[in-house]
Every structure is written in structure tokens, then in C-alpha cells.
Amino acid sequence: MDDAPLWQRAEFLVHRPDCAQASSDRLLTDREALEMLADPEVAGSCDVCRPDTILRQLR
């Protein structure tokens, strides 16, 4: 069993568009980001830009 937090085991990290850690691979809509963050094994929230704090208002 992996003892790492789920966000560290996630396949992707979700960033805000202005995050210095973000790559320009693909921009997500707010809905897509919320869907990805709903499953912590799929995506985690960047610790630098914390998109979950902004998206939380949209739920």
C-alpha cells in the first residue's frame, strides 16, 4: 500500500492559468477541472496556485 497522499499519486495536477508551475499543454474549463478534482486518484490540486480554492465557489 502506498503511504503517499492521494494528490501525490494523482496522474495530473490542476493549475490556475497564471500558475508558474503550469505547463501550457491543455487548458481546462472550470467544469472539467471540478470533475478531475472530484477523483483524487485522477488529479490533484497544485499546492502553489491552489485552484481548488477558486473552484470551490463554483460547486
N, C-alpha and C. Protein backbone atom coordinates (compact mmCIF):
# COMPACT_ATOMS: atom_id res chain seq x y z
N MET A 1 0.84 -1.19 0.00
CA MET A 1 0.00 0.00 0.00
C MET A 1 0.88 1.24 0.00
N ASP A 2 0.55 2.22 -0.82
CA ASP A 2 1.31 3.44 -0.94
C ASP A 2 0.90 4.41 0.17
N ASP A 3 1.87 4.91 0.93
CA ASP A 3 1.57 5.83 2.03
C ASP A 3 1.54 7.29 1.61
N ALA A 4 1.84 7.58 0.35
CA ALA A 4 1.83 8.96 -0.13
C ALA A 4 0.39 9.49 -0.17
N PRO A 5 0.22 10.79 0.09
CA PRO A 5 -1.12 11.37 -0.01
C PRO A 5 -1.68 11.16 -1.42
N LEU A 6 -3.00 11.10 -1.51
CA LEU A 6 -3.63 10.85 -2.81
C LEU A 6 -3.21 11.86 -3.86
N TRP A 7 -3.09 13.15 -3.49
CA TRP A 7 -2.74 14.14 -4.50
C TRP A 7 -1.36 13.89 -5.09
N GLN A 8 -0.47 13.25 -4.34
CA GLN A 8 0.86 12.95 -4.87
C GLN A 8 0.82 11.74 -5.79
N ARG A 9 -0.19 10.89 -5.65
CA ARG A 9 -0.33 9.72 -6.51
C ARG A 9 -1.17 10.02 -7.75
N ALA A 10 -1.74 11.20 -7.81
CA ALA A 10 -2.61 11.57 -8.92
C ALA A 10 -1.83 11.59 -10.23
N GLU A 11 -2.54 11.28 -11.29
CA GLU A 11 -1.93 11.28 -12.61
C GLU A 11 -1.65 12.69 -13.12
N PHE A 12 -2.49 13.66 -12.73
CA PHE A 12 -2.37 15.04 -13.19
C PHE A 12 -2.47 16.00 -12.01
N LEU A 13 -1.90 17.19 -12.17
CA LEU A 13 -2.11 18.29 -11.23
C LEU A 13 -2.86 19.38 -11.97
N VAL A 14 -3.88 19.92 -11.32
CA VAL A 14 -4.67 21.00 -11.90
C VAL A 14 -4.08 22.31 -11.39
N HIS A 15 -3.87 23.27 -12.31
CA HIS A 15 -3.29 24.57 -12.00
C HIS A 15 -4.23 25.68 -12.45
N ARG A 16 -4.06 26.86 -11.87
CA ARG A 16 -4.71 28.06 -12.41
C ARG A 16 -3.90 28.47 -13.64
N PRO A 17 -4.53 29.14 -14.60
CA PRO A 17 -3.81 29.52 -15.83
C PRO A 17 -2.58 30.39 -15.58
N ASP A 18 -2.57 31.18 -14.52
CA ASP A 18 -1.44 32.07 -14.25
C ASP A 18 -0.38 31.46 -13.33
N CYS A 19 -0.47 30.17 -13.06
CA CYS A 19 0.47 29.50 -12.17
C CYS A 19 1.83 29.32 -12.84
N ALA A 20 2.88 29.64 -12.11
CA ALA A 20 4.24 29.47 -12.63
C ALA A 20 4.60 28.00 -12.83
N GLN A 21 3.91 27.10 -12.13
CA GLN A 21 4.18 25.67 -12.22
C GLN A 21 3.43 25.00 -13.37
N ALA A 22 2.49 25.71 -13.98
CA ALA A 22 1.63 25.12 -15.01
C ALA A 22 2.37 25.01 -16.34
N SER A 23 2.06 23.94 -17.05
CA SER A 23 2.55 23.82 -18.43
C SER A 23 1.41 24.31 -19.32
N SER A 24 1.72 24.55 -20.54
CA SER A 24 0.67 25.03 -21.45
C SER A 24 0.11 23.89 -22.29
N ASP A 25 0.18 22.67 -21.76
CA ASP A 25 -0.29 21.50 -22.50
C ASP A 25 -1.76 21.60 -22.87
N ARG A 26 -2.59 21.93 -21.90
CA ARG A 26 -4.03 21.97 -22.15
C ARG A 26 -4.70 22.81 -21.09
N LEU A 27 -5.61 23.68 -21.53
CA LEU A 27 -6.40 24.46 -20.59
C LEU A 27 -7.73 23.76 -20.38
N LEU A 28 -8.14 23.65 -19.12
CA LEU A 28 -9.41 23.02 -18.78
C LEU A 28 -10.47 24.07 -18.56
N THR A 29 -11.70 23.71 -18.81
CA THR A 29 -12.80 24.57 -18.39
C THR A 29 -12.96 24.38 -16.89
N ASP A 30 -13.71 25.27 -16.26
CA ASP A 30 -13.96 25.13 -14.82
C ASP A 30 -14.65 23.81 -14.53
N ARG A 31 -15.59 23.44 -15.36
CA ARG A 31 -16.33 22.18 -15.16
C ARG A 31 -15.40 20.97 -15.26
N GLU A 32 -14.50 20.97 -16.26
CA GLU A 32 -13.55 19.87 -16.42
C GLU A 32 -12.62 19.78 -15.21
N ALA A 33 -12.17 20.93 -14.73
CA ALA A 33 -11.27 20.94 -13.58
C ALA A 33 -11.98 20.39 -12.34
N LEU A 34 -13.23 20.79 -12.13
CA LEU A 34 -14.00 20.28 -10.99
C LEU A 34 -14.19 18.77 -11.09
N GLU A 35 -14.48 18.28 -12.30
CA GLU A 35 -14.66 16.85 -12.49
C GLU A 35 -13.38 16.08 -12.21
N MET A 36 -12.25 16.61 -12.66
CA MET A 36 -10.97 15.94 -12.42
C MET A 36 -10.63 15.95 -10.93
N LEU A 37 -10.85 17.07 -10.26
CA LEU A 37 -10.51 17.18 -8.84
C LEU A 37 -11.44 16.36 -7.96
N ALA A 38 -12.57 15.95 -8.49
CA ALA A 38 -13.52 15.14 -7.72
C ALA A 38 -12.94 13.76 -7.41
N ASP A 39 -12.01 13.29 -8.23
CA ASP A 39 -11.38 11.99 -8.00
C ASP A 39 -9.90 12.20 -7.74
N PRO A 40 -9.46 12.15 -6.48
CA PRO A 40 -8.07 12.45 -6.15
C PRO A 40 -7.05 11.48 -6.73
N GLU A 41 -7.49 10.34 -7.25
CA GLU A 41 -6.54 9.44 -7.90
C GLU A 41 -6.29 9.87 -9.34
N VAL A 42 -7.16 10.70 -9.88
CA VAL A 42 -7.00 11.19 -11.25
C VAL A 42 -6.23 12.50 -11.25
N ALA A 43 -6.63 13.43 -10.41
CA ALA A 43 -6.00 14.75 -10.41
C ALA A 43 -5.91 15.31 -9.01
N GLY A 44 -4.85 16.05 -8.79
CA GLY A 44 -4.65 16.75 -7.54
C GLY A 44 -4.59 18.24 -7.81
N SER A 45 -4.69 19.01 -6.76
CA SER A 45 -4.66 20.46 -6.86
C SER A 45 -3.24 20.95 -6.59
N CYS A 46 -2.74 21.84 -7.43
CA CYS A 46 -1.40 22.40 -7.26
C CYS A 46 -1.30 23.10 -5.90
N ASP A 47 -0.22 22.84 -5.17
CA ASP A 47 -0.02 23.49 -3.87
C ASP A 47 0.43 24.94 -4.00
N VAL A 48 0.87 25.35 -5.18
CA VAL A 48 1.33 26.72 -5.39
C VAL A 48 0.15 27.65 -5.66
N CYS A 49 -0.67 27.30 -6.64
CA CYS A 49 -1.75 28.21 -7.06
C CYS A 49 -3.12 27.87 -6.45
N ARG A 50 -3.28 26.67 -5.91
CA ARG A 50 -4.50 26.23 -5.22
C ARG A 50 -5.79 26.52 -6.00
N PRO A 51 -5.96 25.94 -7.19
CA PRO A 51 -7.17 26.19 -7.96
C PRO A 51 -8.44 25.71 -7.26
N ASP A 52 -8.30 24.75 -6.36
CA ASP A 52 -9.47 24.25 -5.64
C ASP A 52 -10.15 25.33 -4.81
N THR A 53 -9.38 26.32 -4.31
CA THR A 53 -9.99 27.38 -3.51
C THR A 53 -10.89 28.27 -4.37
N ILE A 54 -10.50 28.51 -5.61
CA ILE A 54 -11.32 29.31 -6.52
C ILE A 54 -12.51 28.49 -7.02
N LEU A 55 -12.23 27.25 -7.41
CA LEU A 55 -13.29 26.40 -7.98
C LEU A 55 -14.33 26.00 -6.94
N ARG A 56 -13.96 25.98 -5.68
CA ARG A 56 -14.89 25.61 -4.62
C ARG A 56 -16.14 26.52 -4.64
N GLN A 57 -15.95 27.77 -5.03
CA GLN A 57 -17.06 28.73 -5.10
C GLN A 57 -18.04 28.37 -6.21
N LEU A 58 -17.62 27.59 -7.19
CA LEU A 58 -18.46 27.25 -8.33
C LEU A 58 -19.31 25.99 -8.11
N ARG A 59 -19.01 25.24 -7.08
CA ARG A 59 -19.73 23.97 -6.86
C ARG A 59 -21.18 24.20 -6.60
